[in-house]
């Protein structure tokens, strides 16, 4: 169970029942809650991990599309002027 705590100037922690969780400076959580949060953190790291091979594939595809579109535009522009 999570509890809201306040830190006294002398460094002592005290239970803060008056403050709702949205205004807490510090929250103490149980070990079960910590392991579930750590598991979610690992899950998000796996989903949003940077994949260099995927980046190379997407970046290469975009560069090929950009260059070929630019060249095709130049060819069409040159054919218009010649005709």
PDB file of N, CA and C in Angstrom:
ATOM      1  N   UNK A   1       0.840  -1.170   0.000  1.00  0.00           N
ATOM      2  CA  UNK A   1       0.000   0.000   0.000  1.00  0.00           C
ATOM      3  C   UNK A   1       0.891   1.241   0.000  1.00  0.00           C
ATOM      4  N   UNK A   2       0.579   2.194  -0.825  1.00  0.00           N
ATOM      5  CA  UNK A   2       1.356   3.431  -0.921  1.00  0.00           C
ATOM      6  C   UNK A   2       0.918   4.404   0.161  1.00  0.00           C
ATOM      7  N   UNK A   3       1.893   5.128   0.697  1.00  0.00           N
ATOM      8  CA  UNK A   3       1.592   6.154   1.693  1.00  0.00           C
ATOM      9  C   UNK A   3       2.359   7.419   1.341  1.00  0.00           C
ATOM     10  N   UNK A   4       1.755   8.530   1.669  1.00  0.00           N
ATOM     11  CA  UNK A   4       2.385   9.834   1.453  1.00  0.00           C
ATOM     12  C   UNK A   4       3.182  10.187   2.707  1.00  0.00           C
ATOM     13  N   UNK A   5       4.406  10.625   2.526  1.00  0.00           N
ATOM     14  CA  UNK A   5       5.249  10.979   3.675  1.00  0.00           C
ATOM     15  C   UNK A   5       5.786  12.385   3.506  1.00  0.00           C
ATOM     16  N   UNK A   6       6.091  12.985   4.633  1.00  0.00           N
ATOM     17  CA  UNK A   6       6.701  14.314   4.664  1.00  0.00           C
ATOM     18  C   UNK A   6       8.050  14.179   5.358  1.00  0.00           C
ATOM     19  N   UNK A   7       8.993  14.991   4.941  1.00  0.00           N
ATOM     20  CA  UNK A   7      10.328  14.969   5.535  1.00  0.00           C
ATOM     21  C   UNK A   7      10.469  16.212   6.404  1.00  0.00           C
ATOM     22  N   UNK A   8      10.765  15.965   7.677  1.00  0.00           N
ATOM     23  CA  UNK A   8      10.977  17.069   8.620  1.00  0.00           C
ATOM     24  C   UNK A   8      12.363  17.670   8.372  1.00  0.00           C
ATOM     25  N   UNK A   9      12.589  18.889   8.831  1.00  0.00           N
ATOM     26  CA  UNK A   9      13.905  19.519   8.639  1.00  0.00           C
ATOM     27  C   UNK A   9      15.068  18.716   9.224  1.00  0.00           C
ATOM     28  N   UNK A  10      14.785  17.915  10.254  1.00  0.00           N
ATOM     29  CA  UNK A  10      15.861  17.105  10.837  1.00  0.00           C
ATOM     30  C   UNK A  10      16.041  15.776  10.115  1.00  0.00           C
ATOM     31  N   UNK A  11      15.287  15.537   9.023  1.00  0.00           N
ATOM     32  CA  UNK A  11      15.452  14.343   8.205  1.00  0.00           C
ATOM     33  C   UNK A  11      14.555  13.184   8.571  1.00  0.00           C
ATOM     34  N   UNK A  12      13.659  13.370   9.526  1.00  0.00           N
ATOM     35  CA  UNK A  12      12.768  12.302   9.966  1.00  0.00           C
ATOM     36  C   UNK A  12      11.552  12.256   9.042  1.00  0.00           C
ATOM     37  N   UNK A  13      11.180  11.032   8.617  1.00  0.00           N
ATOM     38  CA  UNK A  13       9.992  10.849   7.790  1.00  0.00           C
ATOM     39  C   UNK A  13       8.772  10.711   8.669  1.00  0.00           C
ATOM     40  N   UNK A  14       7.675  11.367   8.264  1.00  0.00           N
ATOM     41  CA  UNK A  14       6.426  11.225   9.002  1.00  0.00           C
ATOM     42  C   UNK A  14       5.291  11.024   8.012  1.00  0.00           C
ATOM     43  N   UNK A  15       4.307  10.256   8.421  1.00  0.00           N
ATOM     44  CA  UNK A  15       3.146   9.964   7.591  1.00  0.00           C
ATOM     45  C   UNK A  15       2.336  11.233   7.408  1.00  0.00           C
ATOM     46  N   UNK A  16       1.989  11.561   6.169  1.00  0.00           N
ATOM     47  CA  UNK A  16       1.252  12.788   5.865  1.00  0.00           C
ATOM     48  C   UNK A  16      -0.128  12.389   5.366  1.00  0.00           C
ATOM     49  N   UNK A  17      -1.091  12.329   6.291  1.00  0.00           N
ATOM     50  CA  UNK A  17      -2.449  11.915   5.932  1.00  0.00           C
ATOM     51  C   UNK A  17      -3.276  13.065   5.380  1.00  0.00           C
ATOM     52  N   UNK A  18      -2.903  14.299   5.659  1.00  0.00           N
ATOM     53  CA  UNK A  18      -3.699  15.447   5.229  1.00  0.00           C
ATOM     54  C   UNK A  18      -3.524  15.749   3.753  1.00  0.00           C
ATOM     55  N   UNK A  19      -2.359  15.434   3.187  1.00  0.00           N
ATOM     56  CA  UNK A  19      -2.071  15.772   1.798  1.00  0.00           C
ATOM     57  C   UNK A  19      -2.530  14.647   0.878  1.00  0.00           C
ATOM     58  N   UNK A  20      -3.327  14.962  -0.144  1.00  0.00           N
ATOM     59  CA  UNK A  20      -3.663  13.907  -1.118  1.00  0.00           C
ATOM     60  C   UNK A  20      -2.435  13.535  -1.939  1.00  0.00           C
ATOM     61  N   UNK A  21      -2.500  12.383  -2.615  1.00  0.00           N
ATOM     62  CA  UNK A  21      -1.336  11.891  -3.353  1.00  0.00           C
ATOM     63  C   UNK A  21      -0.875  12.843  -4.443  1.00  0.00           C
ATOM     64  N   UNK A  22      -1.757  13.662  -4.979  1.00  0.00           N
ATOM     65  CA  UNK A  22      -1.337  14.561  -6.051  1.00  0.00           C
ATOM     66  C   UNK A  22      -0.406  15.655  -5.545  1.00  0.00           C
ATOM     67  N   UNK A  23      -0.437  15.941  -4.234  1.00  0.00           N
ATOM     68  CA  UNK A  23       0.412  16.990  -3.700  1.00  0.00           C
ATOM     69  C   UNK A  23       1.579  16.474  -2.889  1.00  0.00           C
ATOM     70  N   UNK A  24       1.823  15.179  -2.927  1.00  0.00           N
ATOM     71  CA  UNK A  24       2.906  14.582  -2.137  1.00  0.00           C
ATOM     72  C   UNK A  24       4.262  14.921  -2.716  1.00  0.00           C
ATOM     73  N   UNK A  25       5.201  15.153  -1.808  1.00  0.00           N
ATOM     74  CA  UNK A  25       6.579  15.286  -2.252  1.00  0.00           C
ATOM     75  C   UNK A  25       7.229  13.920  -2.371  1.00  0.00           C
ATOM     76  N   UNK A  26       6.884  13.012  -1.441  1.00  0.00           N
ATOM     77  CA  UNK A  26       7.454  11.670  -1.438  1.00  0.00           C
ATOM     78  C   UNK A  26       6.356  10.646  -1.186  1.00  0.00           C
ATOM     79  N   UNK A  27       6.455   9.524  -1.867  1.00  0.00           N
ATOM     80  CA  UNK A  27       5.505   8.424  -1.688  1.00  0.00           C
ATOM     81  C   UNK A  27       6.307   7.157  -1.430  1.00  0.00           C
ATOM     82  N   UNK A  28       5.957   6.433  -0.379  1.00  0.00           N
ATOM     83  CA  UNK A  28       6.568   5.144  -0.099  1.00  0.00           C
ATOM     84  C   UNK A  28       5.665   4.056  -0.655  1.00  0.00           C
ATOM     85  N   UNK A  29       6.241   3.108  -1.372  1.00  0.00           N
ATOM     86  CA  UNK A  29       5.452   2.029  -1.964  1.00  0.00           C
ATOM     87  C   UNK A  29       5.956   0.688  -1.450  1.00  0.00           C
ATOM     88  N   UNK A  30       5.101  -0.315  -1.567  1.00  0.00           N
ATOM     89  CA  UNK A  30       5.474  -1.656  -1.111  1.00  0.00           C
ATOM     90  C   UNK A  30       6.379  -2.321  -2.138  1.00  0.00           C
ATOM     91  N   UNK A  31       6.978  -3.434  -1.745  1.00  0.00           N
ATOM     92  CA  UNK A  31       7.876  -4.143  -2.668  1.00  0.00           C
ATOM     93  C   UNK A  31       7.105  -4.728  -3.849  1.00  0.00           C
ATOM     94  N   UNK A  32       5.859  -5.158  -3.629  1.00  0.00           N
ATOM     95  CA  UNK A  32       5.044  -5.682  -4.732  1.00  0.00           C
ATOM     96  C   UNK A  32       4.737  -4.588  -5.755  1.00  0.00           C
ATOM     97  N   UNK A  33       4.422  -3.398  -5.266  1.00  0.00           N
ATOM     98  CA  UNK A  33       4.164  -2.284  -6.181  1.00  0.00           C
ATOM     99  C   UNK A  33       5.423  -1.902  -6.952  1.00  0.00           C
ATOM    100  N   UNK A  34       6.560  -1.943  -6.271  1.00  0.00           N
ATOM    101  CA  UNK A  34       7.811  -1.622  -6.937  1.00  0.00           C
ATOM    102  C   UNK A  34       8.131  -2.616  -8.050  1.00  0.00           C
ATOM    103  N   UNK A  35       7.948  -3.912  -7.789  1.00  0.00           N
ATOM    104  CA  UNK A  35       8.249  -4.905  -8.819  1.00  0.00           C
ATOM    105  C   UNK A  35       7.296  -4.783  -9.992  1.00  0.00           C
ATOM    106  N   UNK A  36       6.032  -4.426  -9.751  1.00  0.00           N
ATOM    107  CA  UNK A  36       5.111  -4.247 -10.879  1.00  0.00           C
ATOM    108  C   UNK A  36       5.480  -3.010 -11.696  1.00  0.00           C
ATOM    109  N   UNK A  37       5.922  -1.948 -11.029  1.00  0.00           N
ATOM    110  CA  UNK A  37       6.350  -0.740 -11.745  1.00  0.00           C
ATOM    111  C   UNK A  37       7.631  -1.021 -12.517  1.00  0.00           C
ATOM    112  N   UNK A  38       8.564  -1.753 -11.914  1.00  0.00           N
ATOM    113  CA  UNK A  38       9.813  -2.089 -12.599  1.00  0.00           C
ATOM    114  C   UNK A  38       9.529  -2.971 -13.808  1.00  0.00           C
ATOM    115  N   UNK A  39       8.548  -3.882 -13.691  1.00  0.00           N
ATOM    116  CA  UNK A  39       8.166  -4.714 -14.829  1.00  0.00           C
ATOM    117  C   UNK A  39       7.585  -3.883 -15.957  1.00  0.00           C
ATOM    118  N   UNK A  40       6.768  -2.883 -15.626  1.00  0.00           N
ATOM    119  CA  UNK A  40       6.219  -1.991 -16.653  1.00  0.00           C
ATOM    120  C   UNK A  40       7.325  -1.178 -17.312  1.00  0.00           C
ATOM    121  N   UNK A  41       8.299  -0.745 -16.518  1.00  0.00           N
ATOM    122  CA  UNK A  41       9.413   0.011 -17.060  1.00  0.00           C
ATOM    123  C   UNK A  41      10.192  -0.835 -18.063  1.00  0.00           C
ATOM    124  N   UNK A  42      10.445  -2.095 -17.733  1.00  0.00           N
ATOM    125  CA  UNK A  42      11.141  -2.986 -18.656  1.00  0.00           C
ATOM    126  C   UNK A  42      10.333  -3.196 -19.931  1.00  0.00           C
ATOM    127  N   UNK A  43       9.018  -3.322 -19.775  1.00  0.00           N
ATOM    128  CA  UNK A  43       8.146  -3.522 -20.935  1.00  0.00           C
ATOM    129  C   UNK A  43       8.203  -2.313 -21.872  1.00  0.00           C
ATOM    130  N   UNK A  44       8.123  -1.102 -21.304  1.00  0.00           N
ATOM    131  CA  UNK A  44       8.195   0.100 -22.128  1.00  0.00           C
ATOM    132  C   UNK A  44       9.561   0.247 -22.779  1.00  0.00           C
ATOM    133  N   UNK A  45      10.633  -0.145 -22.072  1.00  0.00           N
ATOM    134  CA  UNK A  45      11.966  -0.059 -22.678  1.00  0.00           C
ATOM    135  C   UNK A  45      12.085  -0.987 -23.865  1.00  0.00           C
ATOM    136  N   UNK A  46      11.456  -2.151 -23.796  1.00  0.00           N
ATOM    137  CA  UNK A  46      11.503  -3.073 -24.928  1.00  0.00           C
ATOM    138  C   UNK A  46      10.693  -2.539 -26.100  1.00  0.00           C
ATOM    139  N   UNK A  47       9.535  -1.943 -25.827  1.00  0.00           N
ATOM    140  CA  UNK A  47       8.697  -1.435 -26.912  1.00  0.00           C
ATOM    141  C   UNK A  47       9.323  -0.234 -27.607  1.00  0.00           C
ATOM    142  N   UNK A  48       9.946   0.646 -26.855  1.00  0.00           N
ATOM    143  CA  UNK A  48      10.455   1.880 -27.419  1.00  0.00           C
ATOM    144  C   UNK A  48      11.969   1.888 -27.565  1.00  0.00           C
ATOM    145  N   UNK A  49      12.580   0.736 -27.577  1.00  0.00           N
ATOM    146  CA  UNK A  49      14.031   0.656 -27.739  1.00  0.00           C
ATOM    147  C   UNK A  49      14.406   1.070 -29.164  1.00  0.00           C
ATOM    148  N   UNK A  50      15.545   1.711 -29.296  1.00  0.00           N
ATOM    149  CA  UNK A  50      16.017   2.162 -30.601  1.00  0.00           C
ATOM    150  C   UNK A  50      16.594   0.965 -31.344  1.00  0.00           C
ATOM    151  N   UNK A  51      16.040   0.685 -32.498  1.00  0.00           N
ATOM    152  CA  UNK A  51      16.493  -0.438 -33.314  1.00  0.00           C
ATOM    153  C   UNK A  51      17.271   0.120 -34.499  1.00  0.00           C
ATOM    154  N   UNK A  52      18.586  -0.078 -34.509  1.00  0.00           N
ATOM    155  CA  UNK A  52      19.420   0.532 -35.540  1.00  0.00           C
ATOM    156  C   UNK A  52      19.154  -0.060 -36.922  1.00  0.00           C
ATOM    157  N   UNK A  53      18.842  -1.341 -37.014  1.00  0.00           N
ATOM    158  CA  UNK A  53      18.573  -1.927 -38.332  1.00  0.00           C
ATOM    159  C   UNK A  53      17.277  -1.362 -38.917  1.00  0.00           C
ATOM    160  N   UNK A  54      16.265  -1.179 -38.072  1.00  0.00           N
ATOM    161  CA  UNK A  54      15.012  -0.581 -38.555  1.00  0.00           C
ATOM    162  C   UNK A  54      15.244   0.866 -38.978  1.00  0.00           C
ATOM    163  N   UNK A  55      16.055   1.599 -38.214  1.00  0.00           N
ATOM    164  CA  UNK A  55      16.364   2.979 -38.572  1.00  0.00           C
ATOM    165  C   UNK A  55      17.069   3.033 -39.922  1.00  0.00           C
ATOM    166  N   UNK A  56      18.042   2.161 -40.139  1.00  0.00           N
ATOM    167  CA  UNK A  56      18.760   2.136 -41.412  1.00  0.00           C
ATOM    168  C   UNK A  56      17.816   1.838 -42.569  1.00  0.00           C
ATOM    169  N   UNK A  57      16.892   0.908 -42.376  1.00  0.00           N
ATOM    170  CA  UNK A  57      15.936   0.558 -43.419  1.00  0.00           C
ATOM    171  C   UNK A  57      15.016   1.730 -43.756  1.00  0.00           C
ATOM    172  N   UNK A  58      14.448   2.345 -42.728  1.00  0.00           N
ATOM    173  CA  UNK A  58      13.521   3.462 -42.954  1.00  0.00           C
ATOM    174  C   UNK A  58      14.264   4.669 -43.525  1.00  0.00           C
ATOM    175  N   UNK A  59      15.420   5.000 -42.960  1.00  0.00           N
ATOM    176  CA  UNK A  59      16.184   6.150 -43.453  1.00  0.00           C
ATOM    177  C   UNK A  59      16.633   5.933 -44.891  1.00  0.00           C
ATOM    178  N   UNK A  60      17.115   4.733 -45.211  1.00  0.00           N
ATOM    179  CA  UNK A  60      17.527   4.423 -46.580  1.00  0.00           C
ATOM    180  C   UNK A  60      16.373   4.514 -47.556  1.00  0.00           C
ATOM    181  N   UNK A  61      15.207   4.015 -47.159  1.00  0.00           N
ATOM    182  CA  UNK A  61      14.027   4.085 -48.032  1.00  0.00           C
ATOM    183  C   UNK A  61      13.626   5.530 -48.289  1.00  0.00           C
ATOM    184  N   UNK A  62      13.628   6.340 -47.237  1.00  0.00           N
ATOM    185  CA  UNK A  62      13.269   7.748 -47.411  1.00  0.00           C
ATOM    186  C   UNK A  62      14.280   8.481 -48.290  1.00  0.00           C
ATOM    187  N   UNK A  63      15.556   8.180 -48.137  1.00  0.00           N
ATOM    188  CA  UNK A  63      16.569   8.842 -48.958  1.00  0.00           C
ATOM    189  C   UNK A  63      16.444   8.434 -50.428  1.00  0.00           C
ATOM    190  N   UNK A  64      16.198   7.163 -50.676  1.00  0.00           N
ATOM    191  CA  UNK A  64      16.012   6.701 -52.060  1.00  0.00           C
ATOM    192  C   UNK A  64      14.783   7.368 -52.673  1.00  0.00           C
ATOM    193  N   UNK A  65      13.688   7.446 -51.913  1.00  0.00           N
ATOM    194  CA  UNK A  65      12.473   8.096 -52.417  1.00  0.00           C
ATOM    195  C   UNK A  65      12.717   9.576 -52.672  1.00  0.00           C
ATOM    196  N   UNK A  66      13.441  10.248 -51.790  1.00  0.00           N
ATOM    197  CA  UNK A  66      13.724  11.668 -51.957  1.00  0.00           C
ATOM    198  C   UNK A  66      14.578  11.927 -53.189  1.00  0.00           C
ATOM    199  N   UNK A  67      15.658  11.179 -53.326  1.00  0.00           N
ATOM    200  CA  UNK A  67      16.575  11.402 -54.451  1.00  0.00           C
ATOM    201  C   UNK A  67      15.908  11.039 -55.766  1.00  0.00           C
ATOM    202  N   UNK A  68      15.202   9.908 -55.802  1.00  0.00           N
ATOM    203  CA  UNK A  68      14.552   9.519 -57.064  1.00  0.00           C
ATOM    204  C   UNK A  68      13.438  10.493 -57.424  1.00  0.00           C
ATOM    205  N   UNK A  69      12.703  11.001 -56.448  1.00  0.00           N
ATOM    206  CA  UNK A  69      11.685  12.015 -56.729  1.00  0.00           C
ATOM    207  C   UNK A  69      12.292  13.299 -57.231  1.00  0.00           C
ATOM    208  N   UNK A  70      13.409  13.687 -56.656  1.00  0.00           N
ATOM    209  CA  UNK A  70      14.090  14.904 -57.093  1.00  0.00           C
ATOM    210  C   UNK A  70      14.599  14.754 -58.534  1.00  0.00           C
ATOM    211  N   UNK A  71      15.209  13.613 -58.840  1.00  0.00           N
ATOM    212  CA  UNK A  71      15.723  13.374 -60.194  1.00  0.00           C
ATOM    213  C   UNK A  71      14.565  13.325 -61.187  1.00  0.00           C
ATOM    214  N   UNK A  72      13.488  12.642 -60.838  1.00  0.00           N
ATOM    215  CA  UNK A  72      12.323  12.563 -61.731  1.00  0.00           C
ATOM    216  C   UNK A  72      11.737  13.947 -61.981  1.00  0.00           C
ATOM    217  N   UNK A  73      11.691  14.778 -60.949  1.00  0.00           N
ATOM    218  CA  UNK A  73      11.209  16.149 -61.129  1.00  0.00           C
ATOM    219  C   UNK A  73      12.100  16.948 -62.063  1.00  0.00           C
ATOM    220  N   UNK A  74      13.399  16.779 -61.951  1.00  0.00           N
ATOM    221  CA  UNK A  74      14.333  17.464 -62.850  1.00  0.00           C
ATOM    222  C   UNK A  74      14.169  16.993 -64.295  1.00  0.00           C
ATOM    223  N   UNK A  75      13.974  15.694 -64.477  1.00  0.00           N
ATOM    224  CA  UNK A  75      13.791  15.148 -65.839  1.00  0.00           C
ATOM    225  C   UNK A  75      12.505  15.689 -66.446  1.00  0.00           C
ATOM    226  N   UNK A  76      11.444  15.678 -65.691  1.00  0.00           N
ATOM    227  CA  UNK A  76      10.161  16.191 -66.212  1.00  0.00           C
ATOM    228  C   UNK A  76      10.271  17.682 -66.510  1.00  0.00           C
ATOM    229  N   UNK A  77      10.928  18.431 -65.634  1.00  0.00           N
ATOM    230  CA  UNK A  77      11.129  19.852 -65.875  1.00  0.00           C
ATOM    231  C   UNK A  77      11.951  20.091 -67.141  1.00  0.00           C
ATOM    232  N   UNK A  78      12.992  19.283 -67.338  1.00  0.00           N
ATOM    233  CA  UNK A  78      13.818  19.413 -68.545  1.00  0.00           C
ATOM    234  C   UNK A  78      13.059  19.053 -69.797  1.00  0.00           C
ATOM    235  N   UNK A  79      12.167  18.066 -69.738  1.00  0.00           N
ATOM    236  CA  UNK A  79      11.365  17.689 -70.909  1.00  0.00           C
ATOM    237  C   UNK A  79      10.354  18.769 -71.253  1.00  0.00           C
ATOM    238  N   UNK A  80       9.831  19.451 -70.260  1.00  0.00           N
ATOM    239  CA  UNK A  80       8.888  20.547 -70.530  1.00  0.00           C
ATOM    240  C   UNK A  80       9.578  21.690 -71.266  1.00  0.00           C
ATOM    241  N   UNK A  81      10.772  22.014 -70.828  1.00  0.00           N
ATOM    242  CA  UNK A  81      11.509  23.127 -71.454  1.00  0.00           C
ATOM    243  C   UNK A  81      11.952  22.760 -72.875  1.00  0.00           C
ATOM    244  N   UNK A  82      12.273  21.498 -73.106  1.00  0.00           N
ATOM    245  CA  UNK A  82      12.745  21.073 -74.421  1.00  0.00           C
ATOM    246  C   UNK A  82      11.575  21.000 -75.429  1.00  0.00           C
ATOM    247  N   UNK A  83      10.377  20.732 -74.934  1.00  0.00           N
ATOM    248  CA  UNK A  83       9.237  20.523 -75.843  1.00  0.00           C
ATOM    249  C   UNK A  83       8.465  21.728 -76.102  1.00  0.00           C
TER     250      UNK A  83
END
